[in-house]
């Protein structure tokens, strides 16, 4: 029998709960999908590099990463990136290139319908 995995970080638990609630209230699936990905064990959460974001986005897009953003690569166009966490170097590079780095909760509050948001894994 598989062992049940439980999160212990109260902030992460609250974020998952709020994303599921918002998904239900707004009638959109994107926040539920992000919550499901955040419920995974930490070793299975996404780690996305800036070069991957740069390669798979265009100017002005909004990206949500249900995990951590790493500093590999650079950005050559402006994007808004929301993630569970950023490395220090990644955050510095994002600010240097004039892009915006947000938490997932901030993005969900600013864009409750999740329109024009892309999930990156």
PDB file of N, CA and C in Angstrom:
ATOM      1  N   UNK A   1       0.834  -1.168   0.000  1.00  0.00           N
ATOM      2  CA  UNK A   1       0.000   0.000   0.000  1.00  0.00           C
ATOM      3  C   UNK A   1       0.889   1.244   0.000  1.00  0.00           C
ATOM      4  N   UNK A   2       0.531   2.204  -0.828  1.00  0.00           N
ATOM      5  CA  UNK A   2       1.320   3.426  -0.943  1.00  0.00           C
ATOM      6  C   UNK A   2       1.092   4.321   0.269  1.00  0.00           C
ATOM      7  N   UNK A   3       2.126   5.007   0.635  1.00  0.00           N
ATOM      8  CA  UNK A   3       2.070   5.914   1.765  1.00  0.00           C
ATOM      9  C   UNK A   3       1.427   7.226   1.326  1.00  0.00           C
ATOM     10  N   UNK A   4       0.573   7.796   2.155  1.00  0.00           N
ATOM     11  CA  UNK A   4      -0.084   9.064   1.826  1.00  0.00           C
ATOM     12  C   UNK A   4       0.890  10.214   2.075  1.00  0.00           C
ATOM     13  N   UNK A   5       1.042  11.052   1.093  1.00  0.00           N
ATOM     14  CA  UNK A   5       1.935  12.197   1.189  1.00  0.00           C
ATOM     15  C   UNK A   5       1.118  13.397   1.682  1.00  0.00           C
ATOM     16  N   UNK A   6       1.614  14.061   2.702  1.00  0.00           N
ATOM     17  CA  UNK A   6       0.944  15.250   3.213  1.00  0.00           C
ATOM     18  C   UNK A   6       1.929  16.406   3.229  1.00  0.00           C
ATOM     19  N   UNK A   7       1.463  17.545   2.835  1.00  0.00           N
ATOM     20  CA  UNK A   7       2.267  18.754   2.879  1.00  0.00           C
ATOM     21  C   UNK A   7       2.318  19.261   4.315  1.00  0.00           C
ATOM     22  N   UNK A   8       3.447  19.828   4.717  1.00  0.00           N
ATOM     23  CA  UNK A   8       3.582  20.365   6.065  1.00  0.00           C
ATOM     24  C   UNK A   8       3.731  21.880   6.079  1.00  0.00           C
ATOM     25  N   UNK A   9       3.990  22.484   4.915  1.00  0.00           N
ATOM     26  CA  UNK A   9       4.151  23.927   4.826  1.00  0.00           C
ATOM     27  C   UNK A   9       2.773  24.576   4.850  1.00  0.00           C
ATOM     28  N   UNK A  10       2.443  25.318   5.908  1.00  0.00           N
ATOM     29  CA  UNK A  10       1.099  25.898   6.000  1.00  0.00           C
ATOM     30  C   UNK A  10       0.796  26.912   4.894  1.00  0.00           C
ATOM     31  N   UNK A  11       1.822  27.627   4.416  1.00  0.00           N
ATOM     32  CA  UNK A  11       1.606  28.585   3.329  1.00  0.00           C
ATOM     33  C   UNK A  11       1.239  27.869   2.031  1.00  0.00           C
ATOM     34  N   UNK A  12       1.910  26.753   1.758  1.00  0.00           N
ATOM     35  CA  UNK A  12       1.629  25.977   0.556  1.00  0.00           C
ATOM     36  C   UNK A  12       0.245  25.333   0.640  1.00  0.00           C
ATOM     37  N   UNK A  13      -0.114  24.835   1.807  1.00  0.00           N
ATOM     38  CA  UNK A  13      -1.442  24.250   2.004  1.00  0.00           C
ATOM     39  C   UNK A  13      -2.526  25.298   1.749  1.00  0.00           C
ATOM     40  N   UNK A  14      -2.329  26.500   2.286  1.00  0.00           N
ATOM     41  CA  UNK A  14      -3.294  27.581   2.082  1.00  0.00           C
ATOM     42  C   UNK A  14      -3.372  27.979   0.608  1.00  0.00           C
ATOM     43  N   UNK A  15      -2.234  28.034  -0.083  1.00  0.00           N
ATOM     44  CA  UNK A  15      -2.215  28.377  -1.499  1.00  0.00           C
ATOM     45  C   UNK A  15      -2.989  27.348  -2.318  1.00  0.00           C
ATOM     46  N   UNK A  16      -2.761  26.069  -2.056  1.00  0.00           N
ATOM     47  CA  UNK A  16      -3.463  25.007  -2.781  1.00  0.00           C
ATOM     48  C   UNK A  16      -4.967  25.111  -2.535  1.00  0.00           C
ATOM     49  N   UNK A  17      -5.357  25.318  -1.282  1.00  0.00           N
ATOM     50  CA  UNK A  17      -6.775  25.448  -0.940  1.00  0.00           C
ATOM     51  C   UNK A  17      -7.399  26.649  -1.669  1.00  0.00           C
ATOM     52  N   UNK A  18      -6.709  27.794  -1.637  1.00  0.00           N
ATOM     53  CA  UNK A  18      -7.240  29.004  -2.276  1.00  0.00           C
ATOM     54  C   UNK A  18      -7.341  28.858  -3.793  1.00  0.00           C
ATOM     55  N   UNK A  19      -6.374  28.179  -4.415  1.00  0.00           N
ATOM     56  CA  UNK A  19      -6.426  27.966  -5.864  1.00  0.00           C
ATOM     57  C   UNK A  19      -7.606  27.075  -6.244  1.00  0.00           C
ATOM     58  N   UNK A  20      -7.824  26.009  -5.471  1.00  0.00           N
ATOM     59  CA  UNK A  20      -8.972  25.126  -5.739  1.00  0.00           C
ATOM     60  C   UNK A  20     -10.292  25.876  -5.558  1.00  0.00           C
ATOM     61  N   UNK A  21     -10.375  26.681  -4.506  1.00  0.00           N
ATOM     62  CA  UNK A  21     -11.584  27.463  -4.231  1.00  0.00           C
ATOM     63  C   UNK A  21     -11.845  28.466  -5.353  1.00  0.00           C
ATOM     64  N   UNK A  22     -10.813  29.157  -5.777  1.00  0.00           N
ATOM     65  CA  UNK A  22     -10.950  30.144  -6.847  1.00  0.00           C
ATOM     66  C   UNK A  22     -11.343  29.470  -8.160  1.00  0.00           C
ATOM     67  N   UNK A  23     -10.793  28.307  -8.433  1.00  0.00           N
ATOM     68  CA  UNK A  23     -11.143  27.568  -9.637  1.00  0.00           C
ATOM     69  C   UNK A  23     -12.628  27.221  -9.636  1.00  0.00           C
ATOM     70  N   UNK A  24     -13.120  26.791  -8.502  1.00  0.00           N
ATOM     71  CA  UNK A  24     -14.540  26.436  -8.375  1.00  0.00           C
ATOM     72  C   UNK A  24     -15.430  27.673  -8.514  1.00  0.00           C
ATOM     73  N   UNK A  25     -15.066  28.762  -7.834  1.00  0.00           N
ATOM     74  CA  UNK A  25     -15.889  29.973  -7.854  1.00  0.00           C
ATOM     75  C   UNK A  25     -15.920  30.636  -9.230  1.00  0.00           C
ATOM     76  N   UNK A  26     -14.781  30.645  -9.904  1.00  0.00           N
ATOM     77  CA  UNK A  26     -14.695  31.318 -11.203  1.00  0.00           C
ATOM     78  C   UNK A  26     -15.090  30.406 -12.356  1.00  0.00           C
ATOM     79  N   UNK A  27     -15.143  29.111 -12.108  1.00  0.00           N
ATOM     80  CA  UNK A  27     -15.506  28.171 -13.167  1.00  0.00           C
ATOM     81  C   UNK A  27     -14.415  27.982 -14.205  1.00  0.00           C
ATOM     82  N   UNK A  28     -13.158  28.084 -13.776  1.00  0.00           N
ATOM     83  CA  UNK A  28     -12.021  27.887 -14.681  1.00  0.00           C
ATOM     84  C   UNK A  28     -11.154  26.747 -14.152  1.00  0.00           C
ATOM     85  N   UNK A  29     -10.515  26.037 -15.060  1.00  0.00           N
ATOM     86  CA  UNK A  29      -9.746  24.857 -14.672  1.00  0.00           C
ATOM     87  C   UNK A  29      -8.274  25.142 -14.419  1.00  0.00           C
ATOM     88  N   UNK A  30      -7.756  26.280 -14.857  1.00  0.00           N
ATOM     89  CA  UNK A  30      -6.313  26.509 -14.781  1.00  0.00           C
ATOM     90  C   UNK A  30      -5.813  26.502 -13.341  1.00  0.00           C
ATOM     91  N   UNK A  31      -6.539  27.119 -12.423  1.00  0.00           N
ATOM     92  CA  UNK A  31      -6.066  27.187 -11.037  1.00  0.00           C
ATOM     93  C   UNK A  31      -6.134  25.812 -10.368  1.00  0.00           C
ATOM     94  N   UNK A  32      -7.118  24.992 -10.749  1.00  0.00           N
ATOM     95  CA  UNK A  32      -7.190  23.626 -10.222  1.00  0.00           C
ATOM     96  C   UNK A  32      -6.006  22.806 -10.733  1.00  0.00           C
ATOM     97  N   UNK A  33      -5.646  22.971 -12.004  1.00  0.00           N
ATOM     98  CA  UNK A  33      -4.491  22.270 -12.572  1.00  0.00           C
ATOM     99  C   UNK A  33      -3.198  22.657 -11.845  1.00  0.00           C
ATOM    100  N   UNK A  34      -3.043  23.948 -11.552  1.00  0.00           N
ATOM    101  CA  UNK A  34      -1.852  24.408 -10.838  1.00  0.00           C
ATOM    102  C   UNK A  34      -1.842  23.820  -9.421  1.00  0.00           C
ATOM    103  N   UNK A  35      -3.000  23.792  -8.757  1.00  0.00           N
ATOM    104  CA  UNK A  35      -3.087  23.233  -7.405  1.00  0.00           C
ATOM    105  C   UNK A  35      -2.709  21.752  -7.404  1.00  0.00           C
ATOM    106  N   UNK A  36      -3.170  21.004  -8.392  1.00  0.00           N
ATOM    107  CA  UNK A  36      -2.845  19.581  -8.483  1.00  0.00           C
ATOM    108  C   UNK A  36      -1.338  19.390  -8.651  1.00  0.00           C
ATOM    109  N   UNK A  37      -0.715  20.235  -9.457  1.00  0.00           N
ATOM    110  CA  UNK A  37       0.728  20.124  -9.670  1.00  0.00           C
ATOM    111  C   UNK A  37       1.511  20.514  -8.419  1.00  0.00           C
ATOM    112  N   UNK A  38       0.970  21.457  -7.623  1.00  0.00           N
ATOM    113  CA  UNK A  38       1.638  21.853  -6.384  1.00  0.00           C
ATOM    114  C   UNK A  38       1.500  20.795  -5.292  1.00  0.00           C
ATOM    115  N   UNK A  39       0.498  19.938  -5.398  1.00  0.00           N
ATOM    116  CA  UNK A  39       0.303  18.879  -4.402  1.00  0.00           C
ATOM    117  C   UNK A  39       1.308  17.745  -4.549  1.00  0.00           C
ATOM    118  N   UNK A  40       1.987  17.678  -5.665  1.00  0.00           N
ATOM    119  CA  UNK A  40       2.977  16.628  -5.890  1.00  0.00           C
ATOM    120  C   UNK A  40       4.123  16.776  -4.884  1.00  0.00           C
ATOM    121  N   UNK A  41       4.869  15.706  -4.643  1.00  0.00           N
ATOM    122  CA  UNK A  41       6.047  15.823  -3.779  1.00  0.00           C
ATOM    123  C   UNK A  41       7.035  16.839  -4.352  1.00  0.00           C
ATOM    124  N   UNK A  42       7.797  17.469  -3.484  1.00  0.00           N
ATOM    125  CA  UNK A  42       8.728  18.516  -3.909  1.00  0.00           C
ATOM    126  C   UNK A  42       9.721  18.012  -4.942  1.00  0.00           C
ATOM    127  N   UNK A  43      10.135  16.748  -4.845  1.00  0.00           N
ATOM    128  CA  UNK A  43      11.099  16.220  -5.812  1.00  0.00           C
ATOM    129  C   UNK A  43      10.508  16.076  -7.207  1.00  0.00           C
ATOM    130  N   UNK A  44       9.170  16.106  -7.320  1.00  0.00           N
ATOM    131  CA  UNK A  44       8.499  15.984  -8.613  1.00  0.00           C
ATOM    132  C   UNK A  44       7.963  17.316  -9.130  1.00  0.00           C
ATOM    133  N   UNK A  45       8.199  18.403  -8.400  1.00  0.00           N
ATOM    134  CA  UNK A  45       7.710  19.701  -8.855  1.00  0.00           C
ATOM    135  C   UNK A  45       8.609  20.242  -9.962  1.00  0.00           C
ATOM    136  N   UNK A  46       8.038  21.111 -10.748  1.00  0.00           N
ATOM    137  CA  UNK A  46       8.723  21.651 -11.920  1.00  0.00           C
ATOM    138  C   UNK A  46       9.905  22.535 -11.525  1.00  0.00           C
ATOM    139  N   UNK A  47      10.969  22.425 -12.287  1.00  0.00           N
ATOM    140  CA  UNK A  47      12.113  23.333 -12.219  1.00  0.00           C
ATOM    141  C   UNK A  47      12.351  23.809 -13.645  1.00  0.00           C
ATOM    142  N   UNK A  48      12.037  25.069 -13.897  1.00  0.00           N
ATOM    143  CA  UNK A  48      12.072  25.611 -15.246  1.00  0.00           C
ATOM    144  C   UNK A  48      13.140  26.691 -15.328  1.00  0.00           C
ATOM    145  N   UNK A  49      13.981  26.625 -16.355  1.00  0.00           N
ATOM    146  CA  UNK A  49      15.039  27.611 -16.540  1.00  0.00           C
ATOM    147  C   UNK A  49      14.520  28.808 -17.334  1.00  0.00           C
ATOM    148  N   UNK A  50      15.212  29.919 -17.207  1.00  0.00           N
ATOM    149  CA  UNK A  50      14.838  31.119 -17.963  1.00  0.00           C
ATOM    150  C   UNK A  50      14.950  30.882 -19.464  1.00  0.00           C
ATOM    151  N   UNK A  51      15.918  30.079 -19.900  1.00  0.00           N
ATOM    152  CA  UNK A  51      16.058  29.811 -21.333  1.00  0.00           C
ATOM    153  C   UNK A  51      14.843  29.041 -21.857  1.00  0.00           C
ATOM    154  N   UNK A  52      14.294  28.123 -21.059  1.00  0.00           N
ATOM    155  CA  UNK A  52      13.092  27.376 -21.453  1.00  0.00           C
ATOM    156  C   UNK A  52      11.893  28.323 -21.564  1.00  0.00           C
ATOM    157  N   UNK A  53      11.777  29.239 -20.616  1.00  0.00           N
ATOM    158  CA  UNK A  53      10.694  30.230 -20.665  1.00  0.00           C
ATOM    159  C   UNK A  53      10.860  31.115 -21.890  1.00  0.00           C
ATOM    160  N   UNK A  54      12.088  31.568 -22.151  1.00  0.00           N
ATOM    161  CA  UNK A  54      12.359  32.431 -23.294  1.00  0.00           C
ATOM    162  C   UNK A  54      12.012  31.742 -24.608  1.00  0.00           C
ATOM    163  N   UNK A  55      12.359  30.466 -24.720  1.00  0.00           N
ATOM    164  CA  UNK A  55      12.149  29.715 -25.959  1.00  0.00           C
ATOM    165  C   UNK A  55      10.666  29.447 -26.232  1.00  0.00           C
ATOM    166  N   UNK A  56       9.855  29.305 -25.188  1.00  0.00           N
ATOM    167  CA  UNK A  56       8.464  28.890 -25.343  1.00  0.00           C
ATOM    168  C   UNK A  56       7.446  29.993 -25.101  1.00  0.00           C
ATOM    169  N   UNK A  57       7.869  31.239 -25.082  1.00  0.00           N
ATOM    170  CA  UNK A  57       6.944  32.364 -24.898  1.00  0.00           C
ATOM    171  C   UNK A  57       7.204  33.433 -25.948  1.00  0.00           C
ATOM    172  N   UNK A  58       6.250  34.346 -26.042  1.00  0.00           N
ATOM    173  CA  UNK A  58       6.403  35.523 -26.892  1.00  0.00           C
ATOM    174  C   UNK A  58       6.211  36.766 -26.026  1.00  0.00           C
ATOM    175  N   UNK A  59       6.489  37.909 -26.590  1.00  0.00           N
ATOM    176  CA  UNK A  59       6.401  39.188 -25.897  1.00  0.00           C
ATOM    177  C   UNK A  59       5.038  39.363 -25.233  1.00  0.00           C
ATOM    178  N   UNK A  60       5.060  39.723 -23.942  1.00  0.00           N
ATOM    179  CA  UNK A  60       3.840  40.069 -23.227  1.00  0.00           C
ATOM    180  C   UNK A  60       3.053  38.905 -22.643  1.00  0.00           C
ATOM    181  N   UNK A  61       3.526  37.685 -22.765  1.00  0.00           N
ATOM    182  CA  UNK A  61       2.800  36.535 -22.228  1.00  0.00           C
ATOM    183  C   UNK A  61       2.964  36.438 -20.713  1.00  0.00           C
ATOM    184  N   UNK A  62       2.032  35.726 -20.092  1.00  0.00           N
ATOM    185  CA  UNK A  62       2.088  35.454 -18.664  1.00  0.00           C
ATOM    186  C   UNK A  62       2.264  33.951 -18.481  1.00  0.00           C
ATOM    187  N   UNK A  63       3.226  33.580 -17.636  1.00  0.00           N
ATOM    188  CA  UNK A  63       3.575  32.182 -17.424  1.00  0.00           C
ATOM    189  C   UNK A  63       3.470  31.873 -15.937  1.00  0.00           C
ATOM    190  N   UNK A  64       2.908  30.707 -15.610  1.00  0.00           N
ATOM    191  CA  UNK A  64       2.893  30.248 -14.224  1.00  0.00           C
ATOM    192  C   UNK A  64       3.692  28.939 -14.148  1.00  0.00           C
ATOM    193  N   UNK A  65       4.609  28.885 -13.185  1.00  0.00           N
ATOM    194  CA  UNK A  65       5.458  27.715 -12.977  1.00  0.00           C
ATOM    195  C   UNK A  65       5.108  27.123 -11.616  1.00  0.00           C
ATOM    196  N   UNK A  66       4.483  25.939 -11.586  1.00  0.00           N
ATOM    197  CA  UNK A  66       4.163  25.315 -10.297  1.00  0.00           C
ATOM    198  C   UNK A  66       5.398  24.640  -9.694  1.00  0.00           C
ATOM    199  N   UNK A  67       6.388  25.444  -9.399  1.00  0.00           N
ATOM    200  CA  UNK A  67       7.661  24.968  -8.883  1.00  0.00           C
ATOM    201  C   UNK A  67       8.630  26.132  -8.806  1.00  0.00           C
ATOM    202  N   UNK A  68       9.877  25.867  -9.180  1.00  0.00           N
ATOM    203  CA  UNK A  68      10.934  26.867  -9.045  1.00  0.00           C
ATOM    204  C   UNK A  68      11.459  27.303 -10.407  1.00  0.00           C
ATOM    205  N   UNK A  69      11.808  28.596 -10.518  1.00  0.00           N
ATOM    206  CA  UNK A  69      12.432  29.137 -11.726  1.00  0.00           C
ATOM    207  C   UNK A  69      13.937  29.219 -11.470  1.00  0.00           C
ATOM    208  N   UNK A  70      14.712  28.628 -12.398  1.00  0.00           N
ATOM    209  CA  UNK A  70      16.166  28.601 -12.295  1.00  0.00           C
ATOM    210  C   UNK A  70      16.781  29.663 -13.199  1.00  0.00           C
ATOM    211  N   UNK A  71      18.018  30.036 -12.932  1.00  0.00           N
ATOM    212  CA  UNK A  71      18.636  31.171 -13.624  1.00  0.00           C
ATOM    213  C   UNK A  71      19.379  30.822 -14.902  1.00  0.00           C
ATOM    214  N   UNK A  72      19.313  29.609 -15.385  1.00  0.00           N
ATOM    215  CA  UNK A  72      20.014  29.248 -16.617  1.00  0.00           C
ATOM    216  C   UNK A  72      19.431  30.003 -17.796  1.00  0.00           C
ATOM    217  N   UNK A  73      20.286  30.630 -18.587  1.00  0.00           N
ATOM    218  CA  UNK A  73      19.838  31.325 -19.786  1.00  0.00           C
ATOM    219  C   UNK A  73      19.517  32.778 -19.526  1.00  0.00           C
ATOM    220  N   UNK A  74      18.848  33.380 -20.520  1.00  0.00           N
ATOM    221  CA  UNK A  74      18.467  34.786 -20.404  1.00  0.00           C
ATOM    222  C   UNK A  74      17.149  35.004 -21.131  1.00  0.00           C
ATOM    223  N   UNK A  75      16.555  36.148 -20.900  1.00  0.00           N
ATOM    224  CA  UNK A  75      15.306  36.524 -21.545  1.00  0.00           C
ATOM    225  C   UNK A  75      15.583  37.630 -22.544  1.00  0.00           C
ATOM    226  N   UNK A  76      14.972  37.560 -23.726  1.00  0.00           N
ATOM    227  CA  UNK A  76      15.150  38.630 -24.700  1.00  0.00           C
ATOM    228  C   UNK A  76      13.840  39.333 -25.023  1.00  0.00           C
ATOM    229  N   UNK A  77      12.783  39.021 -24.285  1.00  0.00           N
ATOM    230  CA  UNK A  77      11.518  39.733 -24.425  1.00  0.00           C
ATOM    231  C   UNK A  77      10.829  39.779 -23.059  1.00  0.00           C
ATOM    232  N   UNK A  78       9.901  40.708 -22.907  1.00  0.00           N
ATOM    233  CA  UNK A  78       9.254  40.910 -21.614  1.00  0.00           C
ATOM    234  C   UNK A  78       8.114  39.918 -21.413  1.00  0.00           C
ATOM    235  N   UNK A  79       8.167  39.227 -20.281  1.00  0.00           N
ATOM    236  CA  UNK A  79       7.116  38.296 -19.886  1.00  0.00           C
ATOM    237  C   UNK A  79       6.854  38.486 -18.390  1.00  0.00           C
ATOM    238  N   UNK A  80       5.688  38.044 -17.958  1.00  0.00           N
ATOM    239  CA  UNK A  80       5.351  38.028 -16.545  1.00  0.00           C
ATOM    240  C   UNK A  80       5.440  36.583 -16.084  1.00  0.00           C
ATOM    241  N   UNK A  81       6.219  36.347 -15.031  1.00  0.00           N
ATOM    242  CA  UNK A  81       6.450  34.990 -14.550  1.00  0.00           C
ATOM    243  C   UNK A  81       5.946  34.883 -13.115  1.00  0.00           C
ATOM    244  N   UNK A  82       5.037  33.939 -12.889  1.00  0.00           N
ATOM    245  CA  UNK A  82       4.566  33.639 -11.542  1.00  0.00           C
ATOM    246  C   UNK A  82       5.039  32.240 -11.190  1.00  0.00           C
ATOM    247  N   UNK A  83       5.587  32.074  -9.991  1.00  0.00           N
ATOM    248  CA  UNK A  83       6.115  30.771  -9.603  1.00  0.00           C
ATOM    249  C   UNK A  83       6.016  30.592  -8.097  1.00  0.00           C
ATOM    250  N   UNK A  84       6.173  29.343  -7.691  1.00  0.00           N
ATOM    251  CA  UNK A  84       6.213  29.028  -6.272  1.00  0.00           C
ATOM    252  C   UNK A  84       7.491  29.590  -5.654  1.00  0.00           C
ATOM    253  N   UNK A  85       8.591  29.572  -6.419  1.00  0.00           N
ATOM    254  CA  UNK A  85       9.854  30.099  -5.930  1.00  0.00           C
ATOM    255  C   UNK A  85      10.792  30.462  -7.071  1.00  0.00           C
ATOM    256  N   UNK A  86      11.740  31.339  -6.757  1.00  0.00           N
ATOM    257  CA  UNK A  86      12.754  31.769  -7.721  1.00  0.00           C
ATOM    258  C   UNK A  86      14.116  31.640  -7.043  1.00  0.00           C
ATOM    259  N   UNK A  87      15.135  31.256  -7.803  1.00  0.00           N
ATOM    260  CA  UNK A  87      16.478  31.343  -7.247  1.00  0.00           C
ATOM    261  C   UNK A  87      16.850  32.828  -7.205  1.00  0.00           C
ATOM    262  N   UNK A  88      17.830  33.165  -6.379  1.00  0.00           N
ATOM    263  CA  UNK A  88      18.234  34.572  -6.255  1.00  0.00           C
ATOM    264  C   UNK A  88      18.726  35.119  -7.588  1.00  0.00           C
ATOM    265  N   UNK A  89      19.526  34.327  -8.282  1.00  0.00           N
ATOM    266  CA  UNK A  89      20.056  34.764  -9.576  1.00  0.00           C
ATOM    267  C   UNK A  89      18.945  34.915 -10.607  1.00  0.00           C
ATOM    268  N   UNK A  90      17.972  34.026 -10.591  1.00  0.00           N
ATOM    269  CA  UNK A  90      16.863  34.113 -11.545  1.00  0.00           C
ATOM    270  C   UNK A  90      16.063  35.388 -11.309  1.00  0.00           C
ATOM    271  N   UNK A  91      15.798  35.696 -10.055  1.00  0.00           N
ATOM    272  CA  UNK A  91      15.043  36.912  -9.746  1.00  0.00           C
ATOM    273  C   UNK A  91      15.805  38.155 -10.198  1.00  0.00           C
ATOM    274  N   UNK A  92      17.124  38.163  -9.990  1.00  0.00           N
ATOM    275  CA  UNK A  92      17.952  39.291 -10.419  1.00  0.00           C
ATOM    276  C   UNK A  92      17.927  39.428 -11.943  1.00  0.00           C
ATOM    277  N   UNK A  93      18.034  38.312 -12.662  1.00  0.00           N
ATOM    278  CA  UNK A  93      18.006  38.358 -14.127  1.00  0.00           C
ATOM    279  C   UNK A  93      16.644  38.824 -14.644  1.00  0.00           C
ATOM    280  N   UNK A  94      15.587  38.381 -14.024  1.00  0.00           N
ATOM    281  CA  UNK A  94      14.235  38.782 -14.445  1.00  0.00           C
ATOM    282  C   UNK A  94      14.072  40.283 -14.304  1.00  0.00           C
ATOM    283  N   UNK A  95      14.507  40.829 -13.169  1.00  0.00           N
ATOM    284  CA  UNK A  95      14.426  42.278 -12.968  1.00  0.00           C
ATOM    285  C   UNK A  95      15.336  43.022 -13.938  1.00  0.00           C
ATOM    286  N   UNK A  96      16.523  42.473 -14.202  1.00  0.00           N
ATOM    287  CA  UNK A  96      17.489  43.106 -15.111  1.00  0.00           C
ATOM    288  C   UNK A  96      16.918  43.248 -16.521  1.00  0.00           C
ATOM    289  N   UNK A  97      16.187  42.232 -16.983  1.00  0.00           N
ATOM    290  CA  UNK A  97      15.621  42.253 -18.328  1.00  0.00           C
ATOM    291  C   UNK A  97      14.283  42.986 -18.396  1.00  0.00           C
ATOM    292  N   UNK A  98      13.823  43.546 -17.269  1.00  0.00           N
ATOM    293  CA  UNK A  98      12.595  44.330 -17.270  1.00  0.00           C
ATOM    294  C   UNK A  98      11.322  43.503 -17.235  1.00  0.00           C
ATOM    295  N   UNK A  99      11.427  42.261 -16.826  1.00  0.00           N
ATOM    296  CA  UNK A  99      10.257  41.390 -16.713  1.00  0.00           C
ATOM    297  C   UNK A  99       9.712  41.463 -15.291  1.00  0.00           C
ATOM    298  N   UNK A 100       8.584  40.824 -15.082  1.00  0.00           N
ATOM    299  CA  UNK A 100       7.940  40.873 -13.784  1.00  0.00           C
ATOM    300  C   UNK A 100       7.915  39.481 -13.159  1.00  0.00           C
ATOM    301  N   UNK A 101       8.309  39.385 -11.884  1.00  0.00           N
ATOM    302  CA  UNK A 101       8.287  38.123 -11.142  1.00  0.00           C
ATOM    303  C   UNK A 101       7.246  38.232 -10.033  1.00  0.00           C
ATOM    304  N   UNK A 102       6.274  37.317 -10.030  1.00  0.00           N
ATOM    305  CA  UNK A 102       5.191  37.323  -9.052  1.00  0.00           C
ATOM    306  C   UNK A 102       5.099  35.979  -8.356  1.00  0.00           C
ATOM    307  N   UNK A 103       4.394  35.971  -7.238  1.00  0.00           N
ATOM    308  CA  UNK A 103       4.039  34.686  -6.637  1.00  0.00           C
ATOM    309  C   UNK A 103       2.760  34.198  -7.326  1.00  0.00           C
ATOM    310  N   UNK A 104       2.468  32.917  -7.185  1.00  0.00           N
ATOM    311  CA  UNK A 104       1.269  32.358  -7.806  1.00  0.00           C
ATOM    312  C   UNK A 104       0.023  32.993  -7.200  1.00  0.00           C
ATOM    313  N   UNK A 105       0.040  33.252  -5.901  1.00  0.00           N
ATOM    314  CA  UNK A 105      -1.107  33.863  -5.225  1.00  0.00           C
ATOM    315  C   UNK A 105      -1.381  35.264  -5.780  1.00  0.00           C
ATOM    316  N   UNK A 106      -0.325  36.034  -6.027  1.00  0.00           N
ATOM    317  CA  UNK A 106      -0.496  37.385  -6.580  1.00  0.00           C
ATOM    318  C   UNK A 106      -1.109  37.335  -7.979  1.00  0.00           C
ATOM    319  N   UNK A 107      -0.659  36.391  -8.790  1.00  0.00           N
ATOM    320  CA  UNK A 107      -1.204  36.257 -10.143  1.00  0.00           C
ATOM    321  C   UNK A 107      -2.665  35.823 -10.097  1.00  0.00           C
ATOM    322  N   UNK A 108      -2.989  34.884  -9.224  1.00  0.00           N
ATOM    323  CA  UNK A 108      -4.369  34.405  -9.110  1.00  0.00           C
ATOM    324  C   UNK A 108      -5.301  35.527  -8.650  1.00  0.00           C
ATOM    325  N   UNK A 109      -4.795  36.400  -7.798  1.00  0.00           N
ATOM    326  CA  UNK A 109      -5.599  37.530  -7.328  1.00  0.00           C
ATOM    327  C   UNK A 109      -5.764  38.578  -8.429  1.00  0.00           C
ATOM    328  N   UNK A 110      -4.700  38.821  -9.190  1.00  0.00           N
ATOM    329  CA  UNK A 110      -4.744  39.827 -10.253  1.00  0.00           C
ATOM    330  C   UNK A 110      -5.521  39.344 -11.477  1.00  0.00           C
ATOM    331  N   UNK A 111      -5.517  38.035 -11.738  1.00  0.00           N
ATOM    332  CA  UNK A 111      -6.165  37.473 -12.913  1.00  0.00           C
ATOM    333  C   UNK A 111      -7.009  36.265 -12.487  1.00  0.00           C
ATOM    334  N   UNK A 112      -8.162  36.512 -11.848  1.00  0.00           N
ATOM    335  CA  UNK A 112      -8.951  35.402 -11.303  1.00  0.00           C
ATOM    336  C   UNK A 112      -9.458  34.421 -12.352  1.00  0.00           C
ATOM    337  N   UNK A 113      -9.695  34.866 -13.561  1.00  0.00           N
ATOM    338  CA  UNK A 113     -10.170  33.972 -14.624  1.00  0.00           C
ATOM    339  C   UNK A 113      -9.023  33.183 -15.258  1.00  0.00           C
ATOM    340  N   UNK A 114      -7.790  33.602 -15.015  1.00  0.00           N
ATOM    341  CA  UNK A 114      -6.646  32.894 -15.579  1.00  0.00           C
ATOM    342  C   UNK A 114      -6.530  33.047 -17.080  1.00  0.00           C
ATOM    343  N   UNK A 115      -7.069  34.118 -17.619  1.00  0.00           N
ATOM    344  CA  UNK A 115      -7.036  34.297 -19.060  1.00  0.00           C
ATOM    345  C   UNK A 115      -5.620  34.655 -19.527  1.00  0.00           C
ATOM    346  N   UNK A 116      -5.233  34.080 -20.654  1.00  0.00           N
ATOM    347  CA  UNK A 116      -3.924  34.287 -21.272  1.00  0.00           C
ATOM    348  C   UNK A 116      -2.766  33.915 -20.352  1.00  0.00           C
ATOM    349  N   UNK A 117      -2.951  32.858 -19.558  1.00  0.00           N
ATOM    350  CA  UNK A 117      -1.892  32.362 -18.683  1.00  0.00           C
ATOM    351  C   UNK A 117      -1.481  30.981 -19.188  1.00  0.00           C
ATOM    352  N   UNK A 118      -0.176  30.768 -19.281  1.00  0.00           N
ATOM    353  CA  UNK A 118       0.369  29.502 -19.775  1.00  0.00           C
ATOM    354  C   UNK A 118       1.079  28.798 -18.613  1.00  0.00           C
ATOM    355  N   UNK A 119       0.800  27.500 -18.431  1.00  0.00           N
ATOM    356  CA  UNK A 119       1.477  26.706 -17.401  1.00  0.00           C
ATOM    357  C   UNK A 119       2.746  26.123 -18.014  1.00  0.00           C
ATOM    358  N   UNK A 120       3.885  26.337 -17.353  1.00  0.00           N
ATOM    359  CA  UNK A 120       5.168  25.802 -17.830  1.00  0.00           C
ATOM    360  C   UNK A 120       5.653  24.721 -16.873  1.00  0.00           C
ATOM    361  N   UNK A 121       6.038  23.609 -17.434  1.00  0.00           N
ATOM    362  CA  UNK A 121       6.593  22.508 -16.637  1.00  0.00           C
ATOM    363  C   UNK A 121       8.003  22.204 -17.078  1.00  0.00           C
TER     364      UNK A 121
END
